[in-house]
Protein backbone atom coordinates (compact mmCIF):
# COMPACT_ATOMS: atom_id res chain seq x y z
CA UNK A 1 6.11 -8.34 -89.09
CA UNK A 2 6.42 -6.62 -92.50
CA UNK A 3 3.89 -7.85 -95.04
CA UNK A 4 1.78 -9.64 -92.43
CA UNK A 5 -1.93 -9.03 -92.86
CA UNK A 6 -3.29 -7.00 -89.95
CA UNK A 7 -6.71 -7.94 -88.58
CA UNK A 8 -9.26 -5.15 -88.46
CA UNK A 9 -11.65 -5.38 -85.53
CA UNK A 10 -15.03 -3.72 -85.13
CA UNK A 11 -16.33 -2.34 -81.87
CA UNK A 12 -19.25 -0.68 -80.13
CA UNK A 13 -20.13 0.68 -76.72
CA UNK A 14 -23.23 -0.40 -74.79
CA UNK A 15 -24.65 2.12 -72.32
CA UNK A 16 -27.29 1.57 -69.66
CA UNK A 17 -28.03 3.50 -66.46
CA UNK A 18 -24.63 5.21 -66.45
CA UNK A 19 -22.60 2.02 -67.03
CA UNK A 20 -20.53 1.54 -70.19
CA UNK A 21 -19.33 -1.72 -71.71
CA UNK A 22 -17.02 -1.92 -74.74
CA UNK A 23 -17.46 -4.80 -77.18
CA UNK A 24 -15.14 -5.75 -80.00
CA UNK A 25 -15.14 -8.61 -82.49
CA UNK A 26 -13.19 -9.66 -85.60
CA UNK A 27 -16.11 -8.85 -87.92
CA UNK A 28 -19.41 -7.00 -87.88
CA UNK A 29 -21.83 -9.93 -88.02
CA UNK A 30 -20.39 -11.39 -84.83
CA UNK A 31 -20.72 -8.07 -83.02
CA UNK A 32 -24.25 -7.60 -84.36
CA UNK A 33 -25.38 -10.89 -82.83
CA UNK A 34 -24.65 -9.41 -79.41
CA UNK A 35 -25.88 -5.86 -79.92
CA UNK A 36 -29.13 -7.09 -81.53
CA UNK A 37 -30.00 -8.72 -78.21
CA UNK A 38 -28.84 -5.90 -75.95
CA UNK A 39 -30.35 -2.90 -77.77
CA UNK A 40 -32.75 -1.92 -76.36
CA UNK A 41 -32.48 -1.74 -73.40
CA UNK A 42 -28.92 -0.54 -74.01
CA UNK A 43 -27.93 2.34 -76.23
CA UNK A 44 -25.31 1.37 -78.83
CA UNK A 45 -22.68 4.06 -79.40
CA UNK A 46 -19.23 4.46 -80.88
CA UNK A 47 -16.32 3.49 -78.68
CA UNK A 48 -15.34 6.13 -76.16
CA UNK A 49 -12.41 6.33 -73.78
CA UNK A 50 -12.23 4.46 -70.46
CA UNK A 51 -15.20 2.07 -70.32
CA UNK A 52 -16.15 0.37 -67.06
CA UNK A 53 -15.26 -2.99 -68.66
CA UNK A 54 -14.47 -4.47 -72.08
CA UNK A 55 -15.40 -7.75 -73.75
CA UNK A 56 -13.20 -8.90 -76.64
CA UNK A 57 -14.74 -11.62 -78.80
CA UNK A 58 -12.44 -13.86 -80.82
CA UNK A 59 -12.91 -17.05 -82.82
CA UNK A 60 -10.82 -20.17 -82.39
CA UNK A 61 -7.61 -18.33 -81.55
CA UNK A 62 -6.54 -21.07 -79.15
CA UNK A 63 -8.79 -24.00 -80.02
CA UNK A 64 -7.15 -26.49 -77.65
CA UNK A 65 -8.07 -24.45 -74.56
CA UNK A 66 -11.67 -25.64 -74.73
CA UNK A 67 -10.52 -29.28 -74.64
CA UNK A 68 -8.53 -29.06 -71.43
CA UNK A 69 -9.37 -31.80 -68.97
CA UNK A 70 -11.97 -30.63 -66.46
CA UNK A 71 -11.56 -33.42 -63.89
CA UNK A 72 -11.37 -32.21 -60.29
CA UNK A 73 -11.66 -28.56 -61.30
CA UNK A 74 -14.22 -26.19 -59.68
CA UNK A 75 -17.45 -25.87 -61.68
CA UNK A 76 -20.45 -23.56 -61.67
CA UNK A 77 -23.46 -25.35 -63.15
CA UNK A 78 -26.66 -23.41 -63.80
CA UNK A 79 -30.06 -25.09 -63.41
CA UNK A 80 -32.43 -26.14 -66.20
CA UNK A 81 -29.66 -27.47 -68.46
CA UNK A 82 -28.08 -24.04 -68.41
CA UNK A 83 -24.45 -22.99 -68.82
CA UNK A 84 -21.60 -24.92 -67.23
CA UNK A 85 -18.43 -23.05 -66.30
CA UNK A 86 -15.27 -24.98 -65.37
CA UNK A 87 -12.46 -22.99 -63.77
CA UNK A 88 -9.14 -23.68 -65.54
CA UNK A 89 -7.04 -20.99 -63.88
CA UNK A 90 -7.68 -18.43 -61.15
CA UNK A 91 -4.82 -16.44 -59.68
CA UNK A 92 -3.71 -12.85 -59.25
CA UNK A 93 -6.91 -11.32 -60.65
CA UNK A 94 -6.78 -13.51 -63.78
CA UNK A 95 -9.54 -16.04 -64.34
CA UNK A 96 -9.87 -18.53 -67.20
CA UNK A 97 -12.87 -20.83 -67.57
CA UNK A 98 -14.17 -23.37 -70.04
CA UNK A 99 -17.83 -22.76 -70.85
CA UNK A 100 -20.56 -24.89 -72.37
CA UNK A 101 -23.72 -22.88 -72.89
CA UNK A 102 -25.91 -25.97 -73.32
CA UNK A 103 -25.17 -29.69 -72.90
CA UNK A 104 -23.42 -31.13 -75.96
CA UNK A 105 -22.73 -27.67 -77.43
CA UNK A 106 -19.18 -26.76 -78.43
CA UNK A 107 -17.15 -25.21 -75.62
CA UNK A 108 -15.81 -21.67 -75.46
CA UNK A 109 -13.03 -20.18 -73.34
CA UNK A 110 -13.61 -17.07 -71.23
CA UNK A 111 -10.67 -15.14 -69.74
CA UNK A 112 -11.19 -12.27 -67.29
CA UNK A 113 -8.32 -9.96 -66.33
CA UNK A 114 -9.28 -7.59 -63.54
CA UNK A 115 -6.05 -5.61 -63.86
CA UNK A 116 -7.12 -4.26 -67.26
CA UNK A 117 -10.93 -4.56 -66.72
CA UNK A 118 -11.33 -6.88 -69.69
CA UNK A 119 -12.91 -10.21 -70.60
CA UNK A 120 -11.77 -12.17 -73.64
CA UNK A 121 -14.26 -14.63 -75.13
CA UNK A 122 -12.83 -17.26 -77.51
CA UNK A 123 -15.57 -18.98 -79.52
CA UNK A 124 -15.39 -22.10 -81.68
CA UNK A 125 -15.36 -20.77 -85.24
CA UNK A 126 -18.73 -20.79 -86.97
CA UNK A 127 -20.68 -22.04 -83.95
CA UNK A 128 -23.88 -19.96 -83.88
CA UNK A 129 -25.01 -21.28 -80.49
CA UNK A 130 -21.78 -20.43 -78.68
CA UNK A 131 -22.20 -16.78 -79.72
CA UNK A 132 -24.78 -16.54 -76.93
CA UNK A 133 -21.88 -16.30 -74.48
CA UNK A 134 -21.37 -12.76 -75.79
CA UNK A 135 -24.79 -11.41 -74.85
CA UNK A 136 -24.73 -13.47 -71.63
CA UNK A 137 -21.57 -11.64 -70.55
CA UNK A 138 -23.14 -8.29 -71.45
CA UNK A 139 -26.27 -9.09 -69.46
CA UNK A 140 -24.25 -10.20 -66.45
CA UNK A 141 -22.14 -7.03 -66.63
CA UNK A 142 -25.16 -4.72 -66.43
CA UNK A 143 -27.51 -6.77 -64.24
CA UNK A 144 -24.95 -7.55 -61.54
CA UNK A 145 -24.21 -3.86 -61.13
CA UNK A 146 -27.81 -2.64 -61.28
CA UNK A 147 -29.12 -5.22 -58.80
CA UNK A 148 -26.29 -4.36 -56.43
CA UNK A 149 -27.22 -0.65 -56.48
CA UNK A 150 -30.89 -0.90 -55.60
CA UNK A 151 -32.58 -2.04 -58.79
CA UNK A 152 -35.19 -4.81 -58.49
CA UNK A 153 -35.80 -7.74 -60.82
CA UNK A 154 -39.43 -8.76 -61.37
CA UNK A 155 -41.03 -11.68 -63.16
CA UNK A 156 -43.29 -9.64 -65.45
CA UNK A 157 -44.11 -8.83 -69.03
CA UNK A 158 -44.17 -5.20 -70.07
CA UNK A 159 -44.92 -2.82 -72.94
CA UNK A 160 -44.64 0.94 -73.34
CA UNK A 161 -47.85 2.91 -73.96
CA UNK A 162 -47.47 6.65 -74.58
CA UNK A 163 -43.93 6.54 -73.24
CA UNK A 164 -44.75 4.83 -69.94
CA UNK A 165 -44.44 1.19 -68.90
CA UNK A 166 -47.50 -1.04 -68.57
CA UNK A 167 -46.55 -4.04 -66.41
CA UNK A 168 -48.40 -7.36 -66.52
CA UNK A 169 -47.99 -9.50 -63.39
CA UNK A 170 -49.26 -13.08 -63.11
CA UNK A 171 -48.31 -16.51 -61.95
CA UNK A 172 -46.81 -19.17 -64.25
CA UNK A 173 -48.92 -19.59 -67.41
CA UNK A 174 -51.05 -16.68 -66.18
CA UNK A 175 -51.20 -14.71 -69.42
CA UNK A 176 -48.41 -12.11 -69.08
CA UNK A 177 -46.86 -12.81 -72.50
CA UNK A 178 -50.28 -13.07 -74.14
CA UNK A 179 -51.33 -9.60 -73.03
CA UNK A 180 -47.96 -8.04 -73.84
CA UNK A 181 -48.20 -9.45 -77.37
CA UNK A 182 -51.81 -8.34 -77.77
CA UNK A 183 -50.93 -4.84 -76.55
CA UNK A 184 -48.28 -4.53 -79.25
CA UNK A 185 -50.54 -5.87 -81.99
CA UNK A 186 -53.83 -4.22 -80.93
CA UNK A 187 -52.85 -1.05 -79.05
CA UNK A 188 -49.72 -0.17 -81.00
CA UNK A 189 -47.64 -0.48 -77.85
CA UNK A 190 -43.86 -0.81 -77.96
CA UNK A 191 -42.40 -4.03 -76.56
CA UNK A 192 -40.34 -3.99 -73.36
CA UNK A 193 -40.16 -7.53 -71.96
CA UNK A 194 -41.64 -10.98 -72.25
CA UNK A 195 -40.57 -12.37 -68.88
CA UNK A 196 -38.25 -10.11 -66.85
CA UNK A 197 -38.03 -6.41 -66.03
CA UNK A 198 -35.65 -4.38 -63.92
CA UNK A 199 -37.23 -1.62 -61.85
CA UNK A 200 -34.92 1.23 -60.90
CA UNK A 201 -34.84 3.34 -57.72
CA UNK A 202 -36.28 6.22 -59.77
CA UNK A 203 -39.13 3.97 -61.09
CA UNK A 204 -37.46 3.45 -64.47
CA UNK A 205 -38.51 0.18 -66.12
CA UNK A 206 -35.94 -1.72 -68.17
CA UNK A 207 -37.20 -4.61 -70.29
CA UNK A 208 -34.60 -7.31 -69.76
CA UNK A 209 -33.44 -8.97 -73.01
CA UNK A 210 -34.37 -12.63 -73.34
CA UNK A 211 -35.87 -15.00 -75.85
CA UNK A 212 -39.60 -14.55 -76.43
CA UNK A 213 -42.09 -17.35 -75.70
CA UNK A 214 -45.44 -16.81 -77.39
CA UNK A 215 -48.46 -19.12 -77.02
CA UNK A 216 -49.13 -20.65 -80.43
CA UNK A 217 -52.85 -19.83 -80.22
CA UNK A 218 -52.06 -16.14 -80.65
CA UNK A 219 -52.59 -14.80 -84.17
CA UNK A 220 -48.93 -14.64 -85.20
CA UNK A 221 -46.95 -16.04 -88.13
CA UNK A 222 -44.80 -19.07 -87.35
CA UNK A 223 -42.26 -18.66 -90.12
CA UNK A 224 -39.40 -18.26 -87.64
CA UNK A 225 -38.55 -19.57 -84.21
CA UNK A 226 -38.76 -22.95 -82.54
CA UNK A 227 -41.89 -24.74 -81.34
CA UNK A 228 -41.62 -25.95 -77.75
CA UNK A 229 -43.91 -28.28 -75.84
CA UNK A 230 -43.97 -28.29 -72.04
CA UNK A 231 -46.12 -30.33 -69.68
CA UNK A 232 -47.82 -28.90 -66.60
CA UNK A 233 -50.82 -30.08 -64.59
CA UNK A 234 -51.44 -32.85 -67.08
CA UNK A 235 -51.69 -30.45 -70.00
CA UNK A 236 -49.40 -29.73 -72.93
CA UNK A 237 -48.43 -26.12 -73.44
CA UNK A 238 -47.12 -25.27 -76.88
CA UNK A 239 -45.17 -22.07 -77.39
CA UNK A 240 -43.15 -20.39 -80.11
CA UNK A 241 -39.64 -19.50 -79.01
CA UNK A 242 -38.12 -16.47 -80.77
CA UNK A 243 -34.91 -14.52 -80.42
CA UNK A 244 -35.37 -10.75 -80.10
CA UNK A 245 -34.23 -10.35 -83.72
CA UNK A 246 -36.74 -12.99 -84.91
CA UNK A 247 -39.45 -11.34 -82.83
CA UNK A 248 -38.87 -7.99 -84.50
CA UNK A 249 -38.55 -9.48 -87.99
CA UNK A 250 -41.50 -11.88 -87.83
CA UNK A 251 -44.01 -9.64 -86.09
CA UNK A 252 -42.74 -6.17 -86.90
CA UNK A 253 -42.63 -5.34 -83.19
CA UNK A 254 -41.00 -2.07 -82.12
CA UNK A 255 -38.83 -2.35 -79.01
CA UNK A 256 -38.85 0.35 -76.36
CA UNK A 257 -35.88 1.79 -74.48
CA UNK A 258 -36.23 2.18 -70.69
CA UNK A 259 -39.28 4.26 -69.70
CA UNK A 260 -40.92 5.43 -66.45
CA UNK A 261 -43.35 3.11 -64.69
CA UNK A 262 -46.93 3.91 -65.73
CA UNK A 263 -49.50 1.23 -64.83
CA UNK A 264 -49.67 -2.23 -63.25
CA UNK A 265 -52.11 -4.97 -64.27
CA UNK A 266 -52.27 -8.06 -62.07
CA UNK A 267 -53.85 -11.07 -63.81
CA UNK A 268 -55.61 -13.58 -61.55
CA UNK A 269 -57.86 -16.57 -62.27
CA UNK A 270 -61.40 -16.70 -60.91
CA UNK A 271 -63.42 -19.81 -60.13
CA UNK A 272 -66.76 -18.03 -60.30
CA UNK A 273 -68.82 -19.92 -62.92
CA UNK A 274 -71.07 -16.89 -63.34
CA UNK A 275 -68.22 -14.50 -64.05
CA UNK A 276 -67.59 -13.17 -67.52
CA UNK A 277 -64.51 -14.25 -69.47
CA UNK A 278 -62.65 -11.22 -68.10
CA UNK A 279 -63.50 -8.33 -65.82
CA UNK A 280 -61.37 -5.75 -64.05
CA UNK A 281 -61.42 -3.69 -60.87
CA UNK A 282 -58.98 -1.32 -59.22
CA UNK A 283 -56.01 -3.11 -57.71
CA UNK A 284 -56.18 -3.01 -53.91
CA UNK A 285 -53.09 -3.00 -51.70
CA UNK A 286 -53.46 -6.61 -50.57
CA UNK A 287 -53.71 -7.75 -54.18
CA UNK A 288 -50.68 -5.67 -55.06
CA UNK A 289 -48.62 -7.25 -52.28
CA UNK A 290 -49.63 -10.74 -53.42
CA UNK A 291 -48.69 -9.92 -57.03
CA UNK A 292 -45.36 -8.40 -55.94
CA UNK A 293 -44.53 -11.47 -53.86
CA UNK A 294 -45.06 -13.74 -56.85
CA UNK A 295 -43.10 -11.43 -59.16
CA UNK A 296 -40.10 -11.52 -56.81
CA UNK A 297 -39.95 -15.32 -56.74
CA UNK A 298 -37.26 -15.83 -59.39
CA UNK A 299 -34.15 -17.39 -57.85
CA UNK A 300 -32.96 -19.01 -61.09
CA UNK A 301 -33.17 -15.72 -63.01
CA UNK A 302 -31.19 -13.88 -60.33
CA UNK A 303 -28.56 -16.60 -60.49
CA UNK A 304 -28.28 -16.23 -64.27
CA UNK A 305 -27.66 -12.49 -63.94
CA UNK A 306 -25.11 -12.71 -61.10
CA UNK A 307 -21.36 -12.44 -61.64
CA UNK A 308 -20.54 -15.22 -59.18
CA UNK A 309 -17.09 -15.90 -60.67
CA UNK A 310 -16.16 -12.30 -61.45
CA UNK A 311 -16.13 -12.76 -65.23
CA UNK A 312 -17.18 -9.15 -65.84
CA UNK A 313 -15.67 -7.55 -62.76
CA UNK A 314 -19.05 -7.08 -61.12
CA UNK A 315 -20.25 -7.66 -57.55
CA UNK A 316 -20.22 -11.37 -56.66
CA UNK A 317 -23.70 -11.20 -55.11
CA UNK A 318 -27.01 -10.26 -56.73
CA UNK A 319 -27.76 -7.51 -54.23
CA UNK A 320 -30.13 -7.36 -51.28
CA UNK A 321 -33.41 -9.15 -51.91
CA UNK A 322 -36.46 -6.88 -51.91
CA UNK A 323 -39.60 -7.63 -49.93
CA UNK A 324 -43.10 -7.76 -51.39
CA UNK A 325 -44.10 -4.79 -49.23
CA UNK A 326 -41.23 -2.69 -50.58
CA UNK A 327 -42.06 -3.46 -54.21
CA UNK A 328 -45.79 -3.00 -53.62
CA UNK A 329 -45.08 0.43 -52.15
CA UNK A 330 -43.33 1.41 -55.40
CA UNK A 331 -46.02 -0.05 -57.64
CA UNK A 332 -48.79 1.62 -55.64
CA UNK A 333 -47.58 5.02 -56.81
CA UNK A 334 -49.12 4.40 -60.25
CA UNK A 335 -52.60 3.27 -61.35
CA UNK A 336 -53.28 -0.45 -61.00
CA UNK A 337 -55.92 -2.89 -62.18
CA UNK A 338 -56.84 -6.42 -61.16
CA UNK A 339 -57.84 -8.40 -64.26
CA UNK A 340 -59.92 -11.44 -63.30
CA UNK A 341 -59.87 -14.21 -65.89
CA UNK A 342 -62.58 -16.85 -65.89
CA UNK A 343 -61.28 -18.95 -68.78
CA UNK A 344 -57.52 -18.69 -69.34
CA UNK A 345 -57.77 -20.42 -72.71
CA UNK A 346 -59.95 -17.54 -73.95
CA UNK A 347 -57.40 -14.85 -73.04
CA UNK A 348 -55.94 -14.56 -76.58
CA UNK A 349 -59.29 -13.25 -77.86
CA UNK A 350 -61.15 -12.08 -74.73
CA UNK A 351 -62.22 -8.38 -74.57
CA UNK A 352 -59.45 -7.43 -72.14
CA UNK A 353 -59.10 -3.84 -73.31
CA UNK A 354 -62.83 -3.19 -72.80
CA UNK A 355 -62.43 -4.53 -69.26
CA UNK A 356 -59.35 -2.37 -68.57
CA UNK A 357 -60.73 0.81 -70.15
CA UNK A 358 -60.91 3.56 -67.55
CA UNK A 359 -58.47 1.77 -65.27
CA UNK A 360 -55.38 1.77 -67.50
CA UNK A 361 -54.34 5.04 -69.16
CA UNK A 362 -54.07 4.71 -72.92
CA UNK A 363 -56.58 1.85 -73.11
CA UNK A 364 -60.01 2.82 -74.44
CA UNK A 365 -63.18 0.88 -75.20
CA UNK A 366 -63.01 -0.67 -78.63
CA UNK A 367 -59.21 -1.02 -78.70
């Protein structure tokens, strides 16, 4: 219509492992909230022709959609108070769902149209929390495809040292995040992942984007983020929860793009009262298989990265599950160390780099 003000959208392309996703939003700050989470591991580029899929982000274009009655409609509910997706319409390759990212948060509407390879995300205007649907869709787009084509997801923390990935494997509360943080602060390593990595068929390590949980006893400023208390084994664990943007701003951490696998460190507790706070030996095959088995035990994380409803046109399954032997065979191709920890509470200050010197390339005595 003549004289009508035309909206000007902004866009960007995310690229990872040969896949390309187009993003567009009504203004730059909204787009930045998604790309700041996804890059790295993704490369952000200008829009090019023919992406694999597109995500269009809008605000409050059809506000009543989110209030449609959900009674007797199919729902996908994620564990741990995660997202809830209620199917409003599903026919002829068109899918429309109502989404609540967290209980009591404002709802968004997500529309996927397979015929044009596009997802439209309609957010409640001004709702900062609901914006997380944007990076969730981007993560599902890439992860569903990578896991379906032979990539493996591991519960691990990781940093890049001299352009190669150093993986930390451990059980829950085993010290993975602590050592990744210390490596960045004390070794000058680049950050890859706090909790999840994807390992490619060619041994490429992708640090999977997620919020960062740092133990509060680490020497780090607490000017940003959210303090969280969790209870396990009768003890309170306090951590600082940071978004990737807060992590970079608060700590000055440099994030690494995908890099080749370099070294594996498996962290295990020891009950020997005579043992030092930490000591390290070469990682034997049986220890590597045990560490790989624990790292593969992440059903909730695989669920979160699966496109079960087809919202981004990806495979509906999360790929064939890997065995511990298969992953151990990959990890055994690089140097490995078994870090034995006598007192887990001392890990934030224990001489771990002295213990790992000579076993982990790039780590020297006195680091």
